[in-house]
Amino acid sequence: MTDGFSSFSKRSNLDTEDYYLSDEGYIVFTEKYHLKRGYCCKSGCKHCPYGYDKKTNTIKKTSGF
């Protein structure tokens, strides 16, 4: 899995601070990555800085954006 993940990272131009692997082997994007991307994808990401709530399908307004 490491080799495949390494090539994913290179294809996507990701920095090592943009993601980490969960214990289950999933790619988890960091808050830094989400802010760099610039918008909420509404997928219920663990580190979403935009305040998206997947249960209500709403984005809570936060200061600083």
Protein backbone atom coordinates (compact mmCIF):
# COMPACT_ATOMS: atom_id res chain seq x y z
CA MET A 1 0.00 0.00 0.00
CA THR A 2 2.86 2.38 0.65
CA ASP A 3 3.97 2.35 -2.98
CA GLY A 4 0.48 3.12 -4.26
CA PHE A 5 0.00 5.87 -1.72
CA SER A 6 3.35 7.39 -2.59
CA SER A 7 2.39 7.64 -6.26
CA PHE A 8 -1.01 9.14 -5.26
CA SER A 9 0.81 11.83 -3.29
CA LYS A 10 3.10 12.65 -6.21
CA ARG A 11 0.20 12.81 -8.70
CA SER A 12 -1.80 15.10 -6.44
CA ASN A 13 1.06 17.46 -5.51
CA LEU A 14 0.39 16.91 -1.81
CA ASP A 15 2.74 17.98 0.95
CA THR A 16 3.26 15.65 3.89
CA GLU A 17 1.38 18.18 6.08
CA ASP A 18 -1.71 17.85 3.85
CA TYR A 19 -2.67 14.31 4.87
CA TYR A 20 -1.92 11.31 7.03
CA LEU A 21 -2.92 7.66 6.98
CA SER A 22 -5.46 6.49 9.53
CA ASP A 23 -4.94 3.27 11.47
CA GLU A 24 -7.28 1.62 8.96
CA GLY A 25 -5.16 2.83 6.02
CA TYR A 26 -7.43 5.64 4.81
CA ILE A 27 -6.07 8.97 3.58
CA VAL A 28 -7.17 11.70 6.00
CA PHE A 29 -6.80 15.28 4.79
CA THR A 30 -5.71 17.89 7.34
CA GLU A 31 -7.22 21.30 8.02
CA LYS A 32 -4.23 22.83 6.24
CA TYR A 33 -5.09 20.90 3.07
CA HIS A 34 -8.75 21.94 3.18
CA LEU A 35 -7.83 25.60 3.59
CA LYS A 36 -5.31 25.33 0.75
CA ARG A 37 -8.01 23.78 -1.47
CA GLY A 38 -10.26 26.74 -0.65
CA TYR A 39 -13.75 25.26 -0.42
CA CYS A 40 -15.85 22.70 1.42
CA CYS A 41 -16.50 19.46 -0.46
CA LYS A 42 -19.44 18.56 1.85
CA SER A 43 -18.14 15.04 2.47
CA GLY A 44 -18.08 15.36 6.25
CA CYS A 45 -14.28 15.42 6.46
CA LYS A 46 -12.78 14.87 9.89
CA HIS A 47 -10.73 18.10 9.82
CA CYS A 48 -13.16 20.36 7.92
CA PRO A 49 -12.37 23.99 8.80
CA TYR A 50 -15.58 25.24 7.19
CA GLY A 51 -17.95 23.90 9.85
CA TYR A 52 -19.85 21.48 7.60
CA ASP A 53 -22.36 19.28 9.43
CA LYS A 54 -23.12 16.16 7.40
CA LYS A 55 -26.24 15.36 9.46
CA THR A 56 -27.92 18.69 8.67
CA ASN A 57 -26.13 19.39 5.36
CA THR A 58 -25.28 22.90 6.54
CA ILE A 59 -22.11 24.93 6.89
CA LYS A 60 -21.80 26.89 10.11
CA LYS A 61 -20.34 30.32 9.52
CA THR A 62 -17.12 30.87 11.40
CA SER A 63 -15.03 33.99 11.68
CA GLY A 64 -11.73 34.23 9.87
CA PHE A 65 -12.82 33.21 6.36
